[in-house]
Amino acid sequence: MEKHLIITGASSVSWKDAIMKTIDEASKTLDYLTGVKIIEQKAKINGNKISEYYVDLDLTFMVDRD
């Protein structure tokens, strides 16, 4: 059985970095991650430059019945 978890992550570097950091952080408390869907990408602008990148992810993981 699979479950889904919607999670938001951030990075000051890039959207890719935000995705990687969020998956890495989630894997510390969720076992059996099997997939990710990028739902949305957003950014904060400060002085005509992006200062923060945000991602909303749908993480898929297997439920351990043991």
Protein backbone atom coordinates (compact mmCIF):
# COMPACT_ATOMS: atom_id res chain seq x y z
CA MET A 1 0.00 0.00 0.00
CA GLU A 2 1.28 3.47 -0.89
CA LYS A 3 0.67 6.73 0.94
CA HIS A 4 1.19 10.32 -0.16
CA LEU A 5 2.47 13.28 1.79
CA ILE A 6 2.41 16.87 0.56
CA ILE A 7 5.44 18.75 1.82
CA THR A 8 6.96 22.19 1.19
CA GLY A 9 10.68 22.87 1.03
CA ALA A 10 12.91 25.88 0.43
CA SER A 11 16.40 26.84 -0.70
CA SER A 12 18.31 30.06 -1.29
CA VAL A 13 20.18 28.40 -4.20
CA SER A 14 17.67 26.96 -6.71
CA TRP A 15 14.45 24.98 -7.16
CA LYS A 16 16.51 21.84 -7.81
CA ASP A 17 18.35 22.38 -4.52
CA ALA A 18 15.03 22.89 -2.72
CA ILE A 19 13.75 19.59 -4.15
CA MET A 20 16.90 17.68 -3.20
CA LYS A 21 17.02 19.14 0.33
CA THR A 22 13.35 18.41 0.92
CA ILE A 23 13.63 14.79 -0.21
CA ASP A 24 16.80 14.33 1.87
CA GLU A 25 15.15 15.78 4.97
CA ALA A 26 11.95 13.75 4.50
CA SER A 27 13.93 10.52 4.07
CA LYS A 28 15.28 10.95 7.61
CA THR A 29 11.81 10.29 9.07
CA LEU A 30 9.98 8.47 6.25
CA ASP A 31 11.05 5.00 5.19
CA TYR A 32 10.46 3.46 1.77
CA LEU A 33 10.17 6.63 -0.35
CA THR A 34 9.26 5.52 -3.86
CA GLY A 35 8.38 8.64 -5.83
CA VAL A 36 7.98 12.38 -5.99
CA LYS A 37 5.70 14.69 -7.96
CA ILE A 38 6.53 18.38 -8.16
CA ILE A 39 3.23 20.15 -7.57
CA GLU A 40 4.32 23.77 -7.59
CA GLN A 41 7.40 25.99 -7.68
CA LYS A 42 7.35 29.49 -6.18
CA ALA A 43 9.94 32.12 -5.36
CA LYS A 44 10.42 35.15 -3.17
CA ILE A 45 11.85 38.22 -4.93
CA ASN A 46 14.01 40.74 -3.14
CA GLY A 47 15.49 43.67 -5.08
CA ASN A 48 14.69 42.24 -8.54
CA LYS A 49 16.42 38.93 -7.68
CA ILE A 50 15.13 35.63 -6.40
CA SER A 51 16.09 35.35 -2.76
CA GLU A 52 14.27 32.12 -1.86
CA TYR A 53 13.02 29.16 -3.91
CA TYR A 54 10.01 27.13 -2.69
CA VAL A 55 8.67 23.77 -3.86
CA ASP A 56 5.54 21.84 -2.99
CA LEU A 57 6.13 18.11 -3.40
CA ASP A 58 3.87 15.07 -3.30
CA LEU A 59 6.04 12.31 -1.81
CA THR A 60 4.99 8.69 -2.25
CA PHE A 61 6.08 6.03 0.23
CA MET A 62 5.25 2.43 1.02
CA VAL A 63 3.49 1.59 4.26
CA ASP A 64 5.41 -0.91 6.39
CA ARG A 65 2.83 -3.20 7.96
CA ASP A 66 5.38 -4.85 10.26
